[in-house]
Amino acid sequence: METKLKHWIVFLFCISTVQSIAQKPIEQSQKKRNKSIFDVFLNYEIDNHSFIKSNKFETFKNVRDTGCLCLPDSIYISYDSILYGVQRFTYNSDGSINNVLNQTWNTNNLTWINNTLYTLTYDGNGNMVNLLRKVWNNASSIWVNSSQENYTYDASGSMASFLPQNWDNNNSLWVNSQQYIDYTWNAYGNNLSHINQFWNNSSLSWINKYKYINTFDNNENPLIKLTQKWVDSTSTWENYKQDVYTWDSLGTNISSAEQWWWPDSAIWVYGFHSTQTNIYNADGLLINMFYNYWGGTLNPTQYEYTFTYDANGNLLNLMSVRLNGSIWVNNSNNTFTYDTFGNEISALYQSWVINAWQNYQYTTHSYDSCGNLLTSSNQQATNPVELNQYFYPLSCNNAPQGIKSINNTNELKIFPNPANENIIIEDNQSIIRSILIYNTLGELMLQLPSKNISQQGIDISMLNSGVYFIHLLSHDGSVGVKKFVKN
């Protein structure tokens, strides 16, 4: 798996989510609408088998027809026009991140104060094997270890284990807490199983905690996600929890249920469960969705979602209503605008309060002629306006050697699209080397292991509903982008 993880990002867009959303992209034969930003986060958590971003790092690469491919030198952050901080980046010759330096602005003496420093180490295949985080000690003016993340890979380049550690400054050693091991994968790159272990300080050994087992249908949609826990007294795995799913013919989820194992009776007991009915138009776009949710009550919470699109299949408006007694009342209203290339330039999020729509978040974005992100702003309620400004080297219009755009994006295929839990990607021209998935804000949402094959399945169940861009880096150095929709 190619895990060349890139930049730190300090802004978080707290976008409200809905239970389901779908949009079928309309492919344009005359004009590619490639997303202009790559971003890869360095600090993440493991959820079953995928790397999930937690707003730490990102990288930007433009793969538009213009040939621009830019990595920012720095990102400046301000609040209500007051300068706050900066992230500065250095790169290896292949474009992977070497170091990320985070600094804050001292308004008293007008100087930059060191904050954190991240250093990345890779193996010969470009897989990140270590991420070291240091913090600045103002008293001694030196960098001090804080935490690190260690990774191993199997012969095919898939992740085999993940070990996070914290630095014990008093004893000058790395301290274990938990680890994830024994990853297994199917032919489409979906995780079949892995084990979570906790460190026992008394015995100085690893103790089994949880085992995760996943099964999929023929379309790579998950059917059961089973969690088992380790029983010390019998030295065996015992059922603990499972999530069960069903799907319609278009690959859209129609039911999901959380079940808990009752060991005394040896039966599964329902926790929450949900059902939904999806209505599509002639183009395959989801226009209405009726959602029922049981969370420990006899009567479900009921929502209806209505979707509106432009001629290019971009989501313009998403409105929801909920059933209050026997009356449907307004719930949320989200409105989006885009530029001619399909990049989102604004998003307004509203909720229904006392018989009127109330704004609670507004985001905007601007781009240069190549599609590189120049500014992103985010405003929530009475919070200060956060503005992020991106600066690129003067030579950013020259693509780094060895990286090129895929000439024929028709060779890239994604199905099903829209999808809910899984998609399958296929590149008939070359072998897939790295797989990255971004939302419309240019934020990395997933980085997945590649199986060094031309076709691979991806579990997207942990993504919020919405529009995403999948970026594929092939072994020949070419980069391709396709748009898909998560229901």
Protein backbone atom coordinates (compact mmCIF):
# COMPACT_ATOMS: atom_id res chain seq x y z
CA MET A 1 0.00 0.00 0.00
CA GLU A 2 1.27 3.40 -0.96
CA THR A 3 1.04 5.50 2.18
CA LYS A 4 2.97 8.62 1.32
CA LEU A 5 1.18 10.76 3.80
CA LYS A 6 1.33 14.47 3.47
CA HIS A 7 0.32 17.77 5.14
CA TRP A 8 -1.13 18.96 8.42
CA ILE A 9 -4.49 20.69 8.21
CA VAL A 10 -5.86 22.71 11.09
CA PHE A 11 -9.35 23.53 9.94
CA LEU A 12 -12.33 21.25 10.45
CA PHE A 13 -15.55 21.78 8.57
CA CYS A 14 -18.23 20.41 10.90
CA ILE A 15 -20.68 19.54 8.16
CA SER A 16 -23.98 18.09 9.30
CA THR A 17 -24.61 14.64 7.91
CA VAL A 18 -27.75 12.88 6.78
CA GLN A 19 -28.43 9.21 6.90
CA SER A 20 -28.32 8.80 3.13
CA ILE A 21 -27.50 10.91 0.10
CA ALA A 22 -26.87 9.91 -3.48
CA GLN A 23 -25.82 11.50 -6.70
CA LYS A 24 -24.91 9.84 -9.97
CA PRO A 25 -22.16 11.82 -11.71
CA ILE A 26 -22.75 12.73 -15.35
CA GLU A 27 -19.53 11.99 -17.21
CA GLN A 28 -18.40 14.65 -19.66
CA SER A 29 -16.71 13.39 -22.81
CA GLN A 30 -15.38 16.77 -23.90
CA LYS A 31 -14.15 18.12 -20.57
CA LYS A 32 -12.61 16.36 -17.60
CA ARG A 33 -13.87 17.60 -14.28
CA ASN A 34 -11.00 16.32 -12.19
CA LYS A 35 -10.70 17.46 -8.62
CA SER A 36 -7.67 19.67 -8.26
CA ILE A 37 -6.54 18.70 -4.78
CA PHE A 38 -4.82 15.71 -3.26
CA ASP A 39 -4.69 15.66 0.51
CA VAL A 40 -3.37 12.88 2.68
CA PHE A 41 -3.57 12.95 6.45
CA LEU A 42 -0.80 11.78 8.67
CA ASN A 43 -2.61 11.28 11.92
CA TYR A 44 -5.53 8.90 11.75
CA GLU A 45 -7.27 6.07 13.49
CA ILE A 46 -8.07 2.56 12.34
CA ASP A 47 -11.70 1.69 11.70
CA ASN A 48 -11.92 -1.98 10.71
CA HIS A 49 -9.41 -1.80 7.88
CA SER A 50 -9.24 1.73 6.52
CA PHE A 51 -7.18 4.76 7.38
CA ILE A 52 -9.51 7.54 8.44
CA LYS A 53 -8.48 11.14 8.63
CA SER A 54 -8.60 13.07 11.88
CA ASN A 55 -7.75 16.52 10.56
CA LYS A 56 -3.98 16.48 10.84
CA PHE A 57 -2.27 16.39 7.50
CA GLU A 58 -2.93 16.87 3.84
CA THR A 59 -1.17 17.12 0.50
CA PHE A 60 -2.28 18.96 -2.59
CA LYS A 61 -1.63 17.80 -6.14
CA ASN A 62 -3.36 19.22 -9.17
CA VAL A 63 -4.09 16.69 -11.91
CA ARG A 64 -6.17 18.88 -14.18
CA ASP A 65 -5.76 18.95 -17.97
CA THR A 66 -3.51 22.01 -17.68
CA GLY A 67 -0.71 19.82 -16.35
CA CYS A 68 -0.38 21.86 -13.16
CA LEU A 69 0.66 19.83 -10.15
CA CYS A 70 1.34 21.84 -7.05
CA LEU A 71 2.52 21.09 -3.55
CA PRO A 72 2.12 24.08 -1.21
CA ASP A 73 5.11 25.55 0.56
CA SER A 74 2.92 26.82 3.37
CA ILE A 75 -0.62 27.33 4.63
CA TYR A 76 -1.43 30.40 6.71
CA ILE A 77 -4.36 30.38 9.15
CA SER A 78 -6.18 33.40 10.51
CA TYR A 79 -9.27 34.06 12.59
CA ASP A 80 -11.31 37.19 11.88
CA SER A 81 -8.34 38.48 9.84
CA ILE A 82 -5.92 38.00 12.76
CA LEU A 83 -2.93 35.82 11.86
CA TYR A 84 -2.78 32.67 13.97
CA GLY A 85 -0.49 30.00 12.56
CA VAL A 86 1.32 28.45 9.63
CA GLN A 87 2.27 24.98 8.35
CA ARG A 88 5.55 24.69 6.42
CA PHE A 89 6.38 21.64 4.29
CA THR A 90 9.48 19.97 2.91
CA TYR A 91 9.33 17.13 0.39
CA ASN A 92 11.37 14.21 -0.84
CA SER A 93 12.31 14.02 -4.51
CA ASP A 94 9.29 11.79 -5.26
CA GLY A 95 6.86 14.34 -3.81
CA SER A 96 6.28 12.56 -0.52
CA ILE A 97 6.33 14.60 2.67
CA ASN A 98 9.61 14.70 4.56
CA ASN A 99 8.85 17.12 7.39
CA VAL A 100 5.92 19.27 8.48
CA LEU A 101 6.61 22.21 10.77
CA ASN A 102 3.70 23.86 12.60
CA GLN A 103 4.17 27.31 14.11
CA THR A 104 1.98 29.89 15.83
CA TRP A 105 2.25 33.66 15.52
CA ASN A 106 3.30 35.62 18.60
CA THR A 107 1.46 38.93 18.40
CA ASN A 108 3.55 40.47 21.21
CA ASN A 109 7.00 40.23 19.62
CA LEU A 110 5.77 39.51 16.07
CA THR A 111 7.70 36.24 15.66
CA TRP A 112 6.88 32.66 14.78
CA ILE A 113 6.90 30.19 17.69
CA ASN A 114 7.61 26.51 17.03
CA ASN A 115 4.80 24.15 17.94
CA THR A 116 5.04 20.63 16.48
CA LEU A 117 7.30 18.85 14.00
CA TYR A 118 6.36 15.70 12.09
CA THR A 119 8.95 13.49 10.38
CA LEU A 120 8.02 10.66 8.03
CA THR A 121 10.05 7.57 7.19
CA TYR A 122 9.30 5.25 4.25
CA ASP A 123 10.44 1.81 3.16
CA GLY A 124 11.86 1.01 -0.27
CA ASN A 125 8.34 0.61 -1.71
CA GLY A 126 7.22 4.03 -0.59
CA ASN A 127 5.13 2.75 2.32
CA MET A 128 5.28 4.91 5.42
CA VAL A 129 6.80 2.84 8.23
CA ASN A 130 7.12 5.52 10.89
CA LEU A 131 5.49 8.85 11.71
CA LEU A 132 7.33 10.71 14.46
CA ARG A 133 5.76 13.68 16.25
CA LYS A 134 7.87 16.09 18.32
CA VAL A 135 6.85 19.14 20.32
CA TRP A 136 8.88 22.26 20.95
CA ASN A 137 10.24 22.81 24.46
CA ASN A 138 10.44 26.56 24.94
CA ALA A 139 12.50 26.34 28.12
CA SER A 140 15.34 24.34 26.54
CA SER A 141 14.71 25.38 22.92
CA ILE A 142 14.80 21.81 21.63
CA TRP A 143 12.41 19.37 19.99
CA VAL A 144 11.13 16.65 22.34
CA ASN A 145 9.59 13.32 21.36
CA SER A 146 5.82 13.15 21.81
CA SER A 147 4.35 10.19 19.90
CA GLN A 148 5.00 7.89 16.98
CA GLU A 149 3.10 5.47 14.73
CA ASN A 150 4.71 2.33 13.32
CA TYR A 151 3.47 0.27 10.36
CA THR A 152 4.38 -3.05 8.77
CA TYR A 153 3.27 -4.50 5.43
CA ASP A 154 2.94 -7.92 3.89
CA ALA A 155 4.63 -9.07 0.67
CA SER A 156 1.86 -7.56 -1.48
CA GLY A 157 2.20 -4.15 0.16
CA SER A 158 -0.98 -4.38 2.25
CA MET A 159 -0.87 -3.18 5.82
CA ALA A 160 -0.12 -5.99 8.26
CA SER A 161 0.06 -4.12 11.57
CA PHE A 162 -0.28 -0.69 13.17
CA LEU A 163 1.39 0.27 16.46
CA PRO A 164 0.92 3.73 18.04
CA GLN A 165 3.21 4.71 20.94
CA ASN A 166 3.66 7.65 23.30
CA TRP A 167 6.96 8.95 24.62
CA ASP A 168 7.70 8.64 28.34
CA ASN A 169 9.96 11.61 28.96
CA ASN A 170 10.77 10.59 32.52
CA ASN A 171 12.12 7.19 31.51
CA SER A 172 13.15 8.12 27.96
CA LEU A 173 11.33 5.26 26.29
CA TRP A 174 8.34 4.57 24.03
CA VAL A 175 5.23 3.33 25.84
CA ASN A 176 2.80 0.82 24.34
CA SER A 177 -0.97 1.12 24.69
CA GLN A 178 -2.67 -0.90 21.96
CA GLN A 179 -1.94 -2.32 18.52
CA TYR A 180 -3.75 -3.75 15.49
CA ILE A 181 -2.33 -6.93 13.94
CA ASP A 182 -3.05 -9.91 11.66
CA TYR A 183 -4.79 -8.03 8.88
CA THR A 184 -6.23 -10.21 6.10
CA TRP A 185 -7.70 -8.96 2.83
CA ASN A 186 -9.79 -10.30 -0.02
CA ALA A 187 -8.91 -9.96 -3.72
CA TYR A 188 -10.71 -6.59 -3.91
CA GLY A 189 -8.78 -5.04 -1.05
CA ASN A 190 -11.55 -5.29 1.53
CA ASN A 191 -10.50 -6.22 5.03
CA LEU A 192 -11.64 -9.68 6.09
CA SER A 193 -10.28 -9.66 9.62
CA HIS A 194 -7.84 -8.10 12.07
CA ILE A 195 -7.16 -8.19 15.82
CA ASN A 196 -6.92 -5.43 18.41
CA GLN A 197 -4.57 -6.02 21.36
CA PHE A 198 -3.89 -4.03 24.53
CA TRP A 199 -0.58 -3.80 26.35
CA ASN A 200 -0.39 -5.34 29.82
CA ASN A 201 2.14 -3.42 31.90
CA SER A 202 2.22 -6.11 34.58
CA SER A 203 3.15 -9.01 32.32
CA LEU A 204 4.84 -6.80 29.71
CA SER A 205 2.92 -8.61 26.98
CA TRP A 206 0.14 -8.05 24.47
CA ILE A 207 -3.36 -9.20 25.47
CA ASN A 208 -6.07 -9.96 22.92
CA LYS A 209 -9.03 -7.58 23.15
CA TYR A 210 -11.19 -7.58 19.99
CA LYS A 211 -11.32 -9.42 16.69
CA TYR A 212 -13.09 -7.95 13.66
CA ILE A 213 -14.52 -10.21 10.94
CA ASN A 214 -16.24 -8.88 7.81
CA THR A 215 -18.25 -10.67 5.12
CA PHE A 216 -19.37 -9.24 1.76
CA ASP A 217 -21.85 -10.03 -1.01
CA ASN A 218 -20.91 -10.55 -4.67
CA ASN A 219 -20.87 -6.76 -5.22
CA GLU A 220 -18.50 -6.25 -2.28
CA ASN A 221 -21.22 -4.69 -0.14
CA PRO A 222 -20.75 -5.69 3.50
CA LEU A 223 -23.31 -8.13 4.82
CA ILE A 224 -22.06 -8.64 8.37
CA LYS A 225 -19.45 -6.78 10.40
CA LEU A 226 -18.78 -9.00 13.39
CA THR A 227 -16.88 -7.98 16.52
CA GLN A 228 -15.68 -10.66 18.93
CA LYS A 229 -14.01 -10.17 22.30
CA TRP A 230 -11.33 -12.29 23.91
CA VAL A 231 -12.32 -14.41 26.94
CA ASP A 232 -9.31 -14.98 29.18
CA SER A 233 -10.87 -17.81 31.16
CA THR A 234 -11.39 -19.97 28.07
CA SER A 235 -8.74 -18.44 25.80
CA THR A 236 -11.31 -18.18 23.02
CA TRP A 237 -13.06 -15.50 21.00
CA GLU A 238 -16.71 -14.86 21.93
CA ASN A 239 -19.31 -12.99 19.90
CA TYR A 240 -19.80 -9.44 21.12
CA LYS A 241 -21.51 -7.25 18.50
CA GLN A 242 -22.44 -7.32 14.83
CA ASP A 243 -23.86 -4.96 12.21
CA VAL A 244 -26.07 -6.55 9.54
CA TYR A 245 -26.91 -4.92 6.17
CA THR A 246 -29.18 -5.47 3.15
CA TRP A 247 -28.99 -3.76 -0.28
CA ASP A 248 -31.12 -2.95 -3.28
CA SER A 249 -30.20 -3.80 -6.88
CA LEU A 250 -28.39 -0.46 -7.32
CA GLY A 251 -26.13 -1.10 -4.36
CA THR A 252 -27.98 1.27 -2.03
CA ASN A 253 -28.48 0.30 1.59
CA ILE A 254 -32.09 -0.48 2.47
CA SER A 255 -31.64 -1.72 6.03
CA SER A 256 -29.04 -1.91 8.76
CA ALA A 257 -29.19 -3.36 12.24
CA GLU A 258 -26.94 -3.32 15.27
CA GLN A 259 -27.11 -6.55 17.25
CA TRP A 260 -25.53 -7.51 20.58
CA TRP A 261 -24.67 -11.05 21.63
CA TRP A 262 -26.53 -12.39 24.69
CA PRO A 263 -24.20 -15.15 25.92
CA ASP A 264 -26.56 -16.63 28.52
CA SER A 265 -29.19 -17.33 25.88
CA ALA A 266 -26.76 -17.62 22.95
CA ILE A 267 -28.86 -15.27 20.80
CA TRP A 268 -28.46 -11.90 19.08
CA VAL A 269 -30.44 -9.02 20.60
CA TYR A 270 -31.34 -5.92 18.56
CA GLY A 271 -29.83 -2.57 19.39
CA PHE A 272 -30.67 0.16 16.88
CA HIS A 273 -31.88 -0.64 13.40
CA SER A 274 -33.04 1.33 10.39
CA THR A 275 -34.79 0.96 7.05
CA GLN A 276 -34.99 3.28 4.08
CA THR A 277 -36.86 3.55 0.80
CA ASN A 278 -35.07 5.17 -2.14
CA ILE A 279 -36.69 6.83 -5.17
CA TYR A 280 -34.58 7.59 -8.28
CA ASN A 281 -35.24 9.64 -11.39
CA ALA A 282 -34.71 8.43 -14.97
CA ASP A 283 -31.01 9.35 -14.78
CA GLY A 284 -30.47 7.20 -11.72
CA LEU A 285 -30.20 10.16 -9.35
CA LEU A 286 -31.67 9.74 -5.90
CA ILE A 287 -34.43 12.34 -5.57
CA ASN A 288 -36.25 11.14 -2.45
CA MET A 289 -35.29 8.98 0.48
CA PHE A 290 -37.55 7.91 3.35
CA TYR A 291 -35.61 6.90 6.44
CA ASN A 292 -36.86 5.13 9.59
CA TYR A 293 -34.69 4.74 12.66
CA TRP A 294 -35.38 2.69 15.79
CA GLY A 295 -33.06 3.61 18.66
CA GLY A 296 -34.56 1.73 21.58
CA THR A 297 -38.12 2.97 21.05
CA LEU A 298 -41.22 1.21 19.70
CA ASN A 299 -41.98 3.94 17.16
CA PRO A 300 -39.29 4.97 14.67
CA THR A 301 -37.90 8.41 14.08
CA GLN A 302 -38.86 9.21 10.49
CA TYR A 303 -37.20 11.53 7.97
CA GLU A 304 -37.73 12.36 4.32
CA TYR A 305 -34.84 13.75 2.24
CA THR A 306 -35.29 15.59 -1.05
CA PHE A 307 -32.37 16.07 -3.48
CA THR A 308 -31.99 18.68 -6.25
CA TYR A 309 -29.19 18.63 -8.86
CA ASP A 310 -27.81 20.79 -11.66
CA ALA A 311 -27.37 19.59 -15.25
CA ASN A 312 -23.97 18.09 -14.38
CA GLY A 313 -25.32 16.00 -11.54
CA ASN A 314 -23.89 18.22 -8.81
CA LEU A 315 -26.01 18.35 -5.68
CA LEU A 316 -27.54 21.84 -5.38
CA ASN A 317 -29.90 21.37 -2.47
CA LEU A 318 -30.59 18.76 0.16
CA MET A 319 -33.64 19.33 2.32
CA SER A 320 -35.00 17.10 5.07
CA VAL A 321 -38.24 17.00 6.99
CA ARG A 322 -39.12 14.87 10.01
CA LEU A 323 -42.38 13.43 11.24
CA ASN A 324 -43.60 15.14 14.39
CA GLY A 325 -46.62 13.19 15.54
CA SER A 326 -48.71 13.10 12.36
CA ILE A 327 -47.27 16.27 10.80
CA TRP A 328 -44.15 16.63 8.66
CA VAL A 329 -42.02 19.61 9.79
CA ASN A 330 -38.88 21.15 8.34
CA ASN A 331 -35.59 19.84 9.70
CA SER A 332 -32.51 20.89 7.64
CA ASN A 333 -31.68 22.67 4.40
CA ASN A 334 -28.24 22.57 2.72
CA THR A 335 -27.38 24.56 -0.43
CA PHE A 336 -24.24 24.21 -2.60
CA THR A 337 -22.66 26.10 -5.52
CA TYR A 338 -19.87 25.01 -7.91
CA ASP A 339 -17.51 26.45 -10.48
CA THR A 340 -17.44 25.29 -14.11
CA PHE A 341 -15.07 22.43 -13.22
CA GLY A 342 -17.32 21.04 -10.50
CA ASN A 343 -15.28 22.38 -7.59
CA GLU A 344 -17.48 23.42 -4.69
CA ILE A 345 -17.22 27.16 -4.06
CA SER A 346 -19.81 27.58 -1.31
CA ALA A 347 -21.96 25.58 1.06
CA LEU A 348 -24.70 26.93 3.32
CA TYR A 349 -26.09 24.75 6.12
CA GLN A 350 -29.36 25.66 7.80
CA SER A 351 -31.63 24.18 10.46
CA TRP A 352 -35.30 24.88 11.16
CA VAL A 353 -35.73 26.86 14.37
CA ILE A 354 -38.98 28.47 15.56
CA ASN A 355 -40.66 28.52 12.15
CA ALA A 356 -37.68 29.89 10.24
CA TRP A 357 -34.45 28.68 8.62
CA GLN A 358 -31.43 29.54 10.74
CA ASN A 359 -27.89 29.57 9.33
CA TYR A 360 -25.41 27.56 11.35
CA GLN A 361 -22.46 27.13 8.96
CA TYR A 362 -21.16 28.73 5.77
CA THR A 363 -18.04 27.70 3.87
CA THR A 364 -16.42 29.21 0.76
CA HIS A 365 -13.46 28.24 -1.45
CA SER A 366 -11.47 29.91 -4.21
CA TYR A 367 -9.08 28.41 -6.79
CA ASP A 368 -6.45 29.60 -9.25
CA SER A 369 -6.61 29.02 -13.02
CA CYS A 370 -5.09 25.56 -12.56
CA GLY A 371 -7.64 24.57 -9.97
CA ASN A 372 -5.28 24.80 -7.00
CA LEU A 373 -7.06 25.78 -3.81
CA LEU A 374 -6.17 29.34 -2.81
CA THR A 375 -8.46 30.06 0.13
CA SER A 376 -10.97 28.26 2.32
CA SER A 377 -13.14 30.02 4.85
CA ASN A 378 -15.44 28.57 7.47
CA GLN A 379 -17.92 30.37 9.67
CA GLN A 380 -20.13 28.80 12.32
CA ALA A 381 -22.71 30.73 14.33
CA THR A 382 -20.90 33.28 16.54
CA ASN A 383 -17.45 31.70 16.12
CA PRO A 384 -14.73 33.75 14.40
CA VAL A 385 -14.32 33.33 10.67
CA GLU A 386 -11.49 30.93 9.97
CA LEU A 387 -9.52 31.63 6.79
CA ASN A 388 -6.85 29.35 5.33
CA GLN A 389 -4.57 30.71 2.59
CA TYR A 390 -2.43 28.38 0.45
CA PHE A 391 0.91 29.41 -1.05
CA TYR A 392 2.68 27.46 -3.79
CA PRO A 393 6.20 27.68 -5.22
CA LEU A 394 6.65 29.81 -8.33
CA SER A 395 7.48 26.66 -10.31
CA CYS A 396 4.24 24.90 -9.38
CA ASN A 397 3.03 24.88 -12.99
CA ASN A 398 5.78 22.39 -13.81
CA ALA A 399 4.73 18.88 -12.88
CA PRO A 400 7.39 16.93 -10.96
CA GLN A 401 9.27 14.42 -13.03
CA GLY A 402 7.69 10.99 -13.20
CA ILE A 403 4.14 12.16 -12.48
CA LYS A 404 1.66 12.56 -15.32
CA SER A 405 -2.09 12.59 -15.85
CA ILE A 406 -3.87 9.59 -17.26
CA ASN A 407 -4.71 10.56 -20.83
CA ASN A 408 -7.88 8.51 -21.15
CA THR A 409 -10.01 8.71 -18.01
CA ASN A 410 -12.56 6.48 -19.72
CA GLU A 411 -10.22 3.62 -18.85
CA LEU A 412 -11.01 4.30 -15.20
CA LYS A 413 -14.27 2.71 -14.07
CA ILE A 414 -16.17 2.88 -10.78
CA PHE A 415 -19.18 0.70 -10.05
CA PRO A 416 -21.76 0.74 -8.62
CA ASN A 417 -22.20 4.51 -8.71
CA PRO A 418 -23.99 5.75 -6.61
CA ALA A 419 -23.00 3.28 -3.90
CA ASN A 420 -23.53 2.90 -0.20
CA GLU A 421 -21.06 0.50 1.34
CA ASN A 422 -18.64 -0.60 -1.39
CA ILE A 423 -17.36 0.41 -4.80
CA ILE A 424 -15.14 -1.40 -7.26
CA ILE A 425 -12.52 0.52 -9.23
CA GLU A 426 -10.90 -0.69 -12.42
CA ASP A 427 -8.03 0.70 -14.51
CA ASN A 428 -7.61 -1.34 -17.68
CA GLN A 429 -4.42 0.50 -18.65
CA SER A 430 -2.19 -0.04 -15.63
CA ILE A 431 -1.75 -1.53 -12.17
CA ILE A 432 -3.19 0.52 -9.29
CA ARG A 433 -0.50 1.70 -6.90
CA SER A 434 -2.28 4.04 -4.50
CA ILE A 435 -5.94 4.85 -3.79
CA LEU A 436 -7.09 8.10 -2.17
CA ILE A 437 -10.63 9.39 -1.63
CA TYR A 438 -11.49 13.08 -1.07
CA ASN A 439 -14.66 15.01 -0.36
CA THR A 440 -15.75 18.14 -2.21
CA LEU A 441 -13.76 20.32 0.21
CA GLY A 442 -10.53 18.65 -0.88
CA GLU A 443 -10.19 16.81 2.43
CA LEU A 444 -8.81 13.28 2.40
CA MET A 445 -11.36 10.84 3.80
CA LEU A 446 -9.74 7.47 3.05
CA GLN A 447 -6.40 6.04 2.03
CA LEU A 448 -6.64 2.38 1.20
CA PRO A 449 -4.21 -0.45 0.57
CA SER A 450 -3.52 -1.42 -3.04
CA LYS A 451 -3.26 -5.06 -4.02
CA ASN A 452 -1.10 -4.33 -7.08
CA ILE A 453 -3.94 -5.34 -9.39
CA SER A 454 -5.99 -3.51 -12.02
CA GLN A 455 -9.32 -4.02 -10.19
CA GLN A 456 -10.00 -3.47 -6.52
CA GLY A 457 -12.96 -3.16 -4.16
CA ILE A 458 -13.20 -0.40 -1.56
CA ASP A 459 -15.29 -0.29 1.60
CA ILE A 460 -16.82 3.21 1.86
CA SER A 461 -19.30 2.44 4.63
CA MET A 462 -17.56 4.75 7.09
CA LEU A 463 -17.93 7.79 4.80
CA ASN A 464 -20.68 10.33 5.34
CA SER A 465 -23.21 10.62 2.52
CA GLY A 466 -22.13 12.92 -0.29
CA VAL A 467 -20.01 13.44 -3.38
CA TYR A 468 -16.39 12.23 -3.43
CA PHE A 469 -13.41 12.07 -5.76
CA ILE A 470 -11.24 8.98 -6.01
CA HIS A 471 -7.60 9.49 -7.02
CA LEU A 472 -5.62 6.59 -8.45
CA LEU A 473 -1.85 6.57 -8.77
CA SER A 474 -0.62 3.84 -11.10
CA HIS A 475 2.75 2.10 -11.14
CA ASP A 476 3.73 4.00 -14.29
CA GLY A 477 3.36 7.27 -12.34
CA SER A 478 0.08 8.35 -13.96
CA VAL A 479 -2.67 9.92 -11.90
CA GLY A 480 -6.40 9.66 -12.58
CA VAL A 481 -9.47 11.08 -10.89
CA LYS A 482 -13.09 9.95 -10.95
CA LYS A 483 -16.18 11.21 -9.17
CA PHE A 484 -18.60 9.00 -7.23
CA VAL A 485 -21.45 9.32 -4.77
CA LYS A 486 -21.85 7.75 -1.34
CA ASN A 487 -25.52 7.11 -0.53
